[in-house]
């Protein structure tokens, strides 16, 4: 019989480490330092949303999204996909993206499992941020910085994941 997990009844507004809060199954991360100084007027900033998830072997999921400064272009999406494992998988901790596995464990009231958990997060998409996104999410960083982190990798390092010891 394979292991199973049952999600908790309410996963909204669960406090987590380092100021990351999950709201309605989606992640809000504390803002990083964005470029810009003082009181200088800036042109309106374009934002995009990086959608991703952690899916265990039992197909239970924790969803996350990050509000990034920058435009979601076809070129940016192609650059990102080109560097992801099989065009969609990545080690969140290796590129500085908040890992979602602990959120999954909180949602289901379970603990890490060497039978269900693994090191990979899944890229779900990059889209232009709507007004509702910019109202509910704090800016996490820039798309350019995220792309730079991904594009400078030689290979995905499985040992960087919180779940490495479970493999």
N, C-alpha and C. Protein backbone atom coordinates (compact mmCIF):
# COMPACT_ATOMS: atom_id res chain seq x y z
N UNK A 1 0.85 -1.17 0.00
CA UNK A 1 0.00 0.00 0.00
C UNK A 1 0.89 1.23 0.00
N UNK A 2 0.61 2.20 -0.86
CA UNK A 2 1.46 3.38 -0.93
C UNK A 2 1.07 4.39 0.14
N UNK A 3 2.04 5.18 0.57
CA UNK A 3 1.76 6.18 1.59
C UNK A 3 0.77 7.20 1.06
N UNK A 4 0.00 7.80 1.95
CA UNK A 4 -0.94 8.82 1.52
C UNK A 4 -0.88 10.00 2.47
N UNK A 5 -1.37 11.10 1.96
CA UNK A 5 -1.43 12.32 2.76
C UNK A 5 -2.81 12.91 2.59
N UNK A 6 -3.31 13.50 3.63
CA UNK A 6 -4.58 14.20 3.49
C UNK A 6 -4.35 15.66 3.83
N UNK A 7 -4.81 16.57 2.94
CA UNK A 7 -4.60 17.98 3.19
C UNK A 7 -5.39 18.45 4.39
N UNK A 8 -4.85 19.46 5.08
CA UNK A 8 -5.56 20.02 6.22
C UNK A 8 -6.75 20.82 5.72
N UNK A 9 -7.68 21.08 6.60
CA UNK A 9 -8.90 21.78 6.22
C UNK A 9 -8.63 23.21 5.79
N UNK A 10 -7.71 23.91 6.43
CA UNK A 10 -7.48 25.31 6.11
C UNK A 10 -6.00 25.60 6.10
N UNK A 11 -5.48 25.97 4.94
CA UNK A 11 -4.07 26.27 4.84
C UNK A 11 -3.83 27.76 4.68
N UNK A 12 -4.86 28.58 4.88
CA UNK A 12 -4.68 30.00 4.65
C UNK A 12 -3.99 30.67 5.83
N UNK A 13 -3.19 31.67 5.49
CA UNK A 13 -2.50 32.49 6.47
C UNK A 13 -1.66 31.69 7.46
N UNK A 14 -0.90 30.75 6.97
CA UNK A 14 -0.02 29.94 7.80
C UNK A 14 1.32 30.65 7.87
N UNK A 15 1.77 31.09 9.06
CA UNK A 15 3.07 31.75 9.12
C UNK A 15 4.18 30.74 8.89
N UNK A 16 5.22 31.19 8.25
CA UNK A 16 6.35 30.31 7.98
C UNK A 16 7.63 31.05 8.30
N UNK A 17 8.75 30.40 8.08
CA UNK A 17 10.02 30.99 8.42
C UNK A 17 10.36 32.17 7.52
N UNK A 18 11.19 33.05 8.02
CA UNK A 18 11.76 34.17 7.30
C UNK A 18 10.72 35.04 6.62
N UNK A 19 9.59 35.27 7.29
CA UNK A 19 8.62 36.22 6.79
C UNK A 19 7.81 35.79 5.59
N UNK A 20 7.88 34.54 5.20
CA UNK A 20 7.08 34.07 4.08
C UNK A 20 5.74 33.62 4.63
N UNK A 21 4.65 34.08 4.01
CA UNK A 21 3.32 33.72 4.45
C UNK A 21 2.58 33.08 3.29
N UNK A 22 1.82 32.06 3.56
CA UNK A 22 1.03 31.40 2.54
C UNK A 22 -0.40 31.83 2.74
N UNK A 23 -1.03 32.31 1.69
CA UNK A 23 -2.40 32.79 1.75
C UNK A 23 -3.22 32.03 0.73
N UNK A 24 -4.18 31.28 1.19
CA UNK A 24 -5.05 30.54 0.28
C UNK A 24 -4.28 29.60 -0.63
N UNK A 25 -3.20 29.01 -0.12
CA UNK A 25 -2.43 28.07 -0.91
C UNK A 25 -1.37 28.73 -1.77
N UNK A 26 -1.33 30.06 -1.81
CA UNK A 26 -0.31 30.75 -2.58
C UNK A 26 0.64 31.46 -1.65
N UNK A 27 1.86 31.56 -2.09
CA UNK A 27 2.91 32.08 -1.25
C UNK A 27 3.13 33.57 -1.47
N UNK A 28 3.30 34.28 -0.37
CA UNK A 28 3.72 35.66 -0.42
C UNK A 28 5.07 35.72 0.25
N UNK A 29 6.05 36.24 -0.43
CA UNK A 29 7.38 36.32 0.14
C UNK A 29 7.69 37.75 0.52
N UNK A 30 8.51 37.92 1.54
CA UNK A 30 8.92 39.25 1.92
C UNK A 30 9.74 39.86 0.81
N UNK A 31 9.64 41.17 0.65
CA UNK A 31 10.35 41.80 -0.45
C UNK A 31 11.86 41.77 -0.27
N UNK A 32 12.54 41.66 -1.38
CA UNK A 32 13.98 41.80 -1.35
C UNK A 32 14.29 43.25 -1.68
N UNK A 33 15.53 43.63 -1.59
CA UNK A 33 15.89 45.00 -1.94
C UNK A 33 15.83 45.16 -3.45
N UNK A 34 14.98 46.07 -3.86
CA UNK A 34 14.88 46.37 -5.28
C UNK A 34 15.71 47.61 -5.55
N UNK A 35 16.19 47.75 -6.77
CA UNK A 35 16.99 48.92 -7.08
C UNK A 35 16.13 50.16 -7.04
N UNK A 36 16.74 51.29 -6.82
CA UNK A 36 16.04 52.56 -6.74
C UNK A 36 16.47 53.29 -5.50
N UNK A 37 16.35 54.59 -5.54
CA UNK A 37 16.79 55.36 -4.40
C UNK A 37 15.76 56.40 -4.02
N UNK A 38 15.74 56.73 -2.77
CA UNK A 38 15.03 57.85 -2.18
C UNK A 38 13.71 58.23 -2.80
N UNK A 39 13.56 59.54 -3.01
CA UNK A 39 12.30 60.11 -3.44
C UNK A 39 12.23 60.34 -4.94
N UNK A 40 13.17 59.85 -5.69
CA UNK A 40 13.17 60.07 -7.14
C UNK A 40 11.92 59.45 -7.74
N UNK A 41 11.27 60.19 -8.66
CA UNK A 41 10.09 59.65 -9.33
C UNK A 41 10.52 58.61 -10.34
N UNK A 42 9.81 57.52 -10.35
CA UNK A 42 10.12 56.43 -11.27
C UNK A 42 8.95 56.24 -12.23
N UNK A 43 9.27 55.77 -13.40
CA UNK A 43 8.23 55.39 -14.34
C UNK A 43 7.49 54.19 -13.76
N UNK A 44 6.23 54.00 -14.15
CA UNK A 44 5.50 52.82 -13.64
C UNK A 44 6.29 51.54 -13.94
N UNK A 45 6.32 50.67 -12.98
CA UNK A 45 7.07 49.43 -13.11
C UNK A 45 6.18 48.32 -13.61
N UNK A 46 6.71 47.55 -14.57
CA UNK A 46 6.00 46.37 -15.04
C UNK A 46 6.31 45.22 -14.08
N UNK A 47 5.32 44.44 -13.77
CA UNK A 47 5.51 43.28 -12.90
C UNK A 47 4.99 42.03 -13.59
N UNK A 48 5.58 40.92 -13.20
CA UNK A 48 5.10 39.63 -13.67
C UNK A 48 5.03 38.69 -12.47
N UNK A 49 4.35 37.58 -12.65
CA UNK A 49 4.19 36.59 -11.58
C UNK A 49 4.82 35.27 -12.04
N UNK A 50 5.73 34.78 -11.21
CA UNK A 50 6.38 33.48 -11.41
C UNK A 50 5.54 32.47 -10.64
N UNK A 51 4.82 31.60 -11.35
CA UNK A 51 3.98 30.57 -10.72
C UNK A 51 4.75 29.25 -10.68
N UNK A 52 4.74 28.61 -9.53
CA UNK A 52 5.43 27.33 -9.39
C UNK A 52 4.75 26.49 -8.32
N UNK A 53 5.15 25.24 -8.23
CA UNK A 53 4.58 24.37 -7.22
C UNK A 53 5.56 23.29 -6.81
N UNK A 54 5.25 22.68 -5.68
CA UNK A 54 5.94 21.48 -5.23
C UNK A 54 4.88 20.39 -5.23
N UNK A 55 5.13 19.31 -5.95
CA UNK A 55 4.21 18.19 -6.06
C UNK A 55 4.93 16.94 -5.58
N UNK A 56 4.41 16.30 -4.54
CA UNK A 56 5.08 15.08 -4.06
C UNK A 56 4.66 13.88 -4.92
N UNK A 57 5.22 12.74 -4.65
CA UNK A 57 4.94 11.54 -5.44
C UNK A 57 3.51 11.05 -5.29
N UNK A 58 2.82 11.50 -4.27
CA UNK A 58 1.40 11.17 -4.09
C UNK A 58 0.49 12.16 -4.80
N UNK A 59 1.07 13.11 -5.52
CA UNK A 59 0.38 14.16 -6.28
C UNK A 59 -0.28 15.21 -5.40
N UNK A 60 0.16 15.35 -4.15
CA UNK A 60 -0.29 16.46 -3.32
C UNK A 60 0.57 17.66 -3.66
N UNK A 61 -0.04 18.86 -3.67
CA UNK A 61 0.65 20.03 -4.18
C UNK A 61 0.59 21.21 -3.22
N UNK A 62 1.65 22.01 -3.24
CA UNK A 62 1.68 23.31 -2.59
C UNK A 62 2.06 24.30 -3.68
N UNK A 63 1.24 25.32 -3.86
CA UNK A 63 1.45 26.30 -4.91
C UNK A 63 2.14 27.54 -4.36
N UNK A 64 2.94 28.17 -5.21
CA UNK A 64 3.60 29.41 -4.84
C UNK A 64 3.63 30.36 -6.01
N UNK A 65 3.72 31.63 -5.70
CA UNK A 65 3.89 32.63 -6.74
C UNK A 65 4.71 33.77 -6.19
N UNK A 66 5.53 34.32 -7.06
CA UNK A 66 6.39 35.43 -6.69
C UNK A 66 6.12 36.60 -7.63
N UNK A 67 5.96 37.78 -7.06
CA UNK A 67 5.80 38.99 -7.85
C UNK A 67 7.19 39.52 -8.18
N UNK A 68 7.49 39.58 -9.47
CA UNK A 68 8.81 40.00 -9.94
C UNK A 68 8.72 41.31 -10.72
N UNK A 69 9.69 42.17 -10.51
CA UNK A 69 9.77 43.39 -11.30
C UNK A 69 10.30 43.02 -12.68
N UNK A 70 9.59 43.43 -13.71
CA UNK A 70 9.97 43.12 -15.08
C UNK A 70 8.80 42.55 -15.84
N UNK A 71 8.92 42.58 -17.15
CA UNK A 71 7.83 42.13 -18.02
C UNK A 71 7.98 40.66 -18.38
N UNK A 72 6.86 39.96 -18.36
CA UNK A 72 6.83 38.54 -18.77
C UNK A 72 6.77 38.51 -20.29
N UNK A 73 7.91 38.31 -20.91
CA UNK A 73 7.97 38.27 -22.37
C UNK A 73 8.16 36.83 -22.84
N UNK A 74 7.86 36.61 -24.10
CA UNK A 74 8.08 35.29 -24.70
C UNK A 74 9.56 34.93 -24.60
N UNK A 75 10.43 35.91 -24.79
CA UNK A 75 11.87 35.67 -24.71
C UNK A 75 12.28 35.25 -23.29
N UNK A 76 11.76 35.94 -22.27
CA UNK A 76 12.10 35.61 -20.87
C UNK A 76 11.64 34.20 -20.53
N UNK A 77 10.44 33.84 -20.96
CA UNK A 77 9.91 32.50 -20.70
C UNK A 77 10.78 31.45 -21.39
N UNK A 78 11.16 31.70 -22.63
CA UNK A 78 12.00 30.76 -23.37
C UNK A 78 13.37 30.61 -22.71
N UNK A 79 13.95 31.71 -22.25
CA UNK A 79 15.25 31.65 -21.57
C UNK A 79 15.16 30.81 -20.30
N UNK A 80 14.10 30.98 -19.58
CA UNK A 80 13.91 30.22 -18.33
C UNK A 80 13.71 28.74 -18.62
N UNK A 81 12.80 28.42 -19.49
CA UNK A 81 12.50 27.02 -19.82
C UNK A 81 13.74 26.30 -20.36
N UNK A 82 14.56 27.01 -21.12
CA UNK A 82 15.76 26.39 -21.71
C UNK A 82 16.72 25.88 -20.64
N UNK A 83 16.71 26.46 -19.45
CA UNK A 83 17.65 26.09 -18.40
C UNK A 83 17.06 25.17 -17.33
N UNK A 84 15.75 24.94 -17.37
CA UNK A 84 15.12 24.07 -16.39
C UNK A 84 15.26 22.62 -16.81
N UNK A 85 15.32 21.74 -15.83
CA UNK A 85 15.39 20.30 -16.10
C UNK A 85 14.10 19.89 -16.82
N UNK A 86 14.24 19.28 -17.97
CA UNK A 86 13.09 18.86 -18.79
C UNK A 86 12.15 20.03 -19.07
N UNK A 87 12.68 21.25 -19.05
CA UNK A 87 11.90 22.43 -19.38
C UNK A 87 10.94 22.89 -18.30
N UNK A 88 10.96 22.24 -17.12
CA UNK A 88 10.01 22.66 -16.08
C UNK A 88 10.47 22.46 -14.64
N UNK A 89 11.46 21.66 -14.37
CA UNK A 89 11.83 21.35 -12.99
C UNK A 89 13.07 22.13 -12.55
N UNK A 90 13.10 22.49 -11.26
CA UNK A 90 14.23 23.23 -10.72
C UNK A 90 14.37 22.96 -9.23
N UNK A 91 15.56 23.24 -8.72
CA UNK A 91 15.84 23.15 -7.28
C UNK A 91 15.64 24.56 -6.72
N UNK A 92 14.55 24.77 -6.00
CA UNK A 92 14.19 26.11 -5.52
C UNK A 92 15.32 26.75 -4.72
N UNK A 93 15.90 25.99 -3.82
CA UNK A 93 16.92 26.54 -2.94
C UNK A 93 18.17 26.97 -3.71
N UNK A 94 18.45 26.34 -4.82
CA UNK A 94 19.65 26.65 -5.60
C UNK A 94 19.55 28.01 -6.29
N UNK A 95 18.33 28.44 -6.60
CA UNK A 95 18.17 29.74 -7.27
C UNK A 95 17.54 30.78 -6.35
N UNK A 96 17.44 30.47 -5.07
CA UNK A 96 16.96 31.44 -4.10
C UNK A 96 15.45 31.62 -4.06
N UNK A 97 14.71 30.72 -4.66
CA UNK A 97 13.25 30.78 -4.64
C UNK A 97 12.78 30.03 -3.39
N UNK A 98 11.80 30.58 -2.65
CA UNK A 98 11.33 29.88 -1.46
C UNK A 98 10.83 28.47 -1.78
N UNK A 99 11.35 27.49 -1.05
CA UNK A 99 10.92 26.09 -1.22
C UNK A 99 9.50 25.93 -0.68
N UNK A 100 8.73 25.07 -1.29
CA UNK A 100 7.33 24.87 -0.91
C UNK A 100 7.06 23.55 -0.21
N UNK A 101 8.06 22.69 -0.08
CA UNK A 101 7.82 21.37 0.51
C UNK A 101 7.34 21.48 1.95
N UNK A 102 7.90 22.40 2.72
CA UNK A 102 7.46 22.53 4.11
C UNK A 102 6.01 23.01 4.19
N UNK A 103 5.59 23.82 3.24
CA UNK A 103 4.19 24.25 3.18
C UNK A 103 3.29 23.04 2.92
N UNK A 104 3.71 22.16 2.04
CA UNK A 104 2.93 20.95 1.79
C UNK A 104 2.80 20.13 3.07
N UNK A 105 3.89 19.98 3.81
CA UNK A 105 3.84 19.22 5.05
C UNK A 105 2.89 19.88 6.05
N UNK A 106 2.88 21.21 6.10
CA UNK A 106 1.96 21.92 6.99
C UNK A 106 0.51 21.69 6.55
N UNK A 107 0.27 21.79 5.24
CA UNK A 107 -1.09 21.62 4.72
C UNK A 107 -1.66 20.25 5.05
N UNK A 108 -0.84 19.23 4.93
CA UNK A 108 -1.36 17.87 5.15
C UNK A 108 -1.12 17.37 6.58
N UNK A 109 -0.45 18.19 7.39
CA UNK A 109 -0.19 17.77 8.77
C UNK A 109 0.71 16.55 8.84
N UNK A 110 1.64 16.45 7.92
CA UNK A 110 2.52 15.29 7.86
C UNK A 110 3.98 15.71 7.97
N UNK A 111 4.84 14.77 7.94
CA UNK A 111 6.27 15.05 8.01
C UNK A 111 6.94 14.56 6.73
N UNK A 112 8.19 14.94 6.54
CA UNK A 112 8.91 14.51 5.33
C UNK A 112 8.89 13.00 5.17
N UNK A 113 8.82 12.58 3.92
CA UNK A 113 8.75 11.15 3.62
C UNK A 113 9.76 10.80 2.55
N UNK A 114 10.59 9.78 2.82
CA UNK A 114 11.54 9.36 1.79
C UNK A 114 10.84 8.62 0.66
N UNK A 115 9.57 8.27 0.84
CA UNK A 115 8.81 7.60 -0.22
C UNK A 115 8.05 8.60 -1.10
N UNK A 116 7.71 9.77 -0.56
CA UNK A 116 6.89 10.72 -1.30
C UNK A 116 7.63 11.99 -1.73
N UNK A 117 8.59 12.41 -0.95
CA UNK A 117 9.22 13.70 -1.21
C UNK A 117 10.48 13.57 -2.05
N UNK A 118 10.78 14.64 -2.77
CA UNK A 118 11.93 14.68 -3.68
C UNK A 118 12.47 16.10 -3.71
N UNK A 119 13.42 16.38 -4.55
CA UNK A 119 14.12 17.66 -4.56
C UNK A 119 13.55 18.70 -5.52
N UNK A 120 12.67 18.31 -6.43
CA UNK A 120 12.27 19.17 -7.54
C UNK A 120 11.02 20.00 -7.28
N UNK A 121 11.06 21.26 -7.72
CA UNK A 121 9.89 22.12 -7.80
C UNK A 121 9.54 22.23 -9.29
N UNK A 122 8.32 22.62 -9.57
CA UNK A 122 7.84 22.64 -10.95
C UNK A 122 7.44 24.06 -11.36
N UNK A 123 8.01 24.53 -12.46
CA UNK A 123 7.65 25.82 -13.04
C UNK A 123 6.30 25.67 -13.73
N UNK A 124 5.35 26.55 -13.38
CA UNK A 124 4.02 26.49 -13.97
C UNK A 124 3.77 27.59 -14.98
N UNK A 125 4.51 28.70 -14.87
CA UNK A 125 4.32 29.76 -15.84
C UNK A 125 4.84 31.09 -15.35
N UNK A 126 4.94 32.00 -16.28
CA UNK A 126 5.33 33.38 -16.02
C UNK A 126 4.31 34.23 -16.74
N UNK A 127 3.61 35.07 -16.01
CA UNK A 127 2.54 35.85 -16.62
C UNK A 127 2.62 37.30 -16.16
N UNK A 128 2.01 38.17 -16.94
CA UNK A 128 1.93 39.57 -16.56
C UNK A 128 1.08 39.68 -15.30
N UNK A 129 1.54 40.47 -14.35
CA UNK A 129 0.81 40.64 -13.10
C UNK A 129 -0.43 41.50 -13.33
N UNK A 130 -1.54 41.05 -12.80
CA UNK A 130 -2.79 41.82 -12.83
C UNK A 130 -2.79 42.76 -11.63
N UNK A 131 -3.69 43.71 -11.62
CA UNK A 131 -3.81 44.64 -10.49
C UNK A 131 -4.02 43.88 -9.18
N UNK A 132 -4.80 42.81 -9.23
CA UNK A 132 -5.04 42.01 -8.02
C UNK A 132 -3.75 41.38 -7.50
N UNK A 133 -2.86 40.97 -8.41
CA UNK A 133 -1.58 40.39 -8.01
C UNK A 133 -0.71 41.43 -7.30
N UNK A 134 -0.62 42.62 -7.87
CA UNK A 134 0.23 43.66 -7.27
C UNK A 134 -0.36 44.17 -5.96
N UNK A 135 -1.66 44.04 -5.80
CA UNK A 135 -2.29 44.45 -4.54
C UNK A 135 -2.06 43.43 -3.43
N UNK A 136 -2.00 42.13 -3.77
CA UNK A 136 -1.91 41.10 -2.74
C UNK A 136 -0.51 40.57 -2.50
N UNK A 137 0.40 40.72 -3.46
CA UNK A 137 1.76 40.19 -3.32
C UNK A 137 2.76 41.33 -3.17
N UNK A 138 3.74 41.13 -2.34
CA UNK A 138 4.85 42.08 -2.21
C UNK A 138 5.87 41.77 -3.29
N UNK A 139 6.51 42.78 -3.87
CA UNK A 139 7.58 42.49 -4.84
C UNK A 139 8.66 41.64 -4.18
N UNK A 140 9.06 40.57 -4.85
CA UNK A 140 10.05 39.64 -4.32
C UNK A 140 11.44 39.93 -4.84
N UNK A 141 11.54 40.46 -6.02
CA UNK A 141 12.82 40.73 -6.66
C UNK A 141 12.57 41.02 -8.12
N UNK A 142 13.59 40.87 -8.94
CA UNK A 142 13.41 41.17 -10.35
C UNK A 142 13.50 39.91 -11.21
N UNK A 143 12.81 39.95 -12.33
CA UNK A 143 12.87 38.86 -13.29
C UNK A 143 14.29 38.72 -13.83
N UNK A 144 14.95 39.85 -14.09
CA UNK A 144 16.33 39.80 -14.60
C UNK A 144 17.25 39.07 -13.62
N UNK A 145 17.10 39.34 -12.33
CA UNK A 145 17.94 38.66 -11.33
C UNK A 145 17.65 37.16 -11.29
N UNK A 146 16.39 36.79 -11.37
CA UNK A 146 16.03 35.37 -11.37
C UNK A 146 16.60 34.68 -12.60
N UNK A 147 16.46 35.30 -13.75
CA UNK A 147 17.02 34.73 -14.98
C UNK A 147 18.53 34.59 -14.88
N UNK A 148 19.19 35.58 -14.30
CA UNK A 148 20.65 35.52 -14.15
C UNK A 148 21.05 34.35 -13.27
N UNK A 149 20.31 34.12 -12.18
CA UNK A 149 20.62 32.98 -11.31
C UNK A 149 20.49 31.65 -12.05
N UNK A 150 19.43 31.52 -12.82
CA UNK A 150 19.19 30.27 -13.55
C UNK A 150 20.22 30.09 -14.66
N UNK A 151 20.52 31.14 -15.37
CA UNK A 151 21.40 31.04 -16.53
C UNK A 151 22.88 30.87 -16.17
N UNK A 152 23.26 31.18 -14.94
CA UNK A 152 24.66 30.99 -14.55
C UNK A 152 24.94 29.60 -13.99
N UNK A 153 23.92 28.78 -13.83
CA UNK A 153 24.12 27.42 -13.31
C UNK A 153 24.77 26.53 -14.36
N UNK A 154 25.70 25.72 -13.91
CA UNK A 154 26.26 24.70 -14.79
C UNK A 154 25.37 23.45 -14.79
N UNK A 155 24.81 23.15 -13.63
CA UNK A 155 23.95 21.97 -13.48
C UNK A 155 23.11 22.15 -12.23
N UNK A 156 22.01 21.43 -12.16
CA UNK A 156 21.18 21.44 -10.95
C UNK A 156 21.86 20.58 -9.89
N UNK A 157 22.02 21.13 -8.71
CA UNK A 157 22.71 20.48 -7.60
C UNK A 157 21.66 19.94 -6.62
N UNK A 158 21.40 18.65 -6.69
CA UNK A 158 20.37 18.03 -5.86
C UNK A 158 20.62 18.22 -4.37
N UNK A 159 21.89 18.36 -3.99
CA UNK A 159 22.22 18.49 -2.56
C UNK A 159 21.80 19.83 -1.98
N UNK A 160 21.40 20.79 -2.81
CA UNK A 160 20.97 22.10 -2.33
C UNK A 160 19.54 22.08 -1.79
N UNK A 161 18.80 21.03 -2.09
CA UNK A 161 17.40 20.94 -1.68
C UNK A 161 17.26 20.52 -0.22
N UNK A 162 16.21 21.03 0.42
CA UNK A 162 15.88 20.60 1.78
C UNK A 162 15.64 19.10 1.83
N UNK A 163 15.19 18.52 0.74
CA UNK A 163 14.83 17.10 0.69
C UNK A 163 15.96 16.19 0.27
N UNK A 164 17.15 16.70 0.11
CA UNK A 164 18.27 15.87 -0.37
C UNK A 164 18.48 14.64 0.52
N UNK A 165 18.41 14.81 1.80
CA UNK A 165 18.67 13.70 2.73
C UNK A 165 17.59 12.63 2.65
N UNK A 166 16.45 12.94 2.04
CA UNK A 166 15.35 11.98 1.94
C UNK A 166 15.52 11.05 0.74
N UNK A 167 16.31 11.46 -0.22
CA UNK A 167 16.45 10.71 -1.47
C UNK A 167 17.08 9.35 -1.23
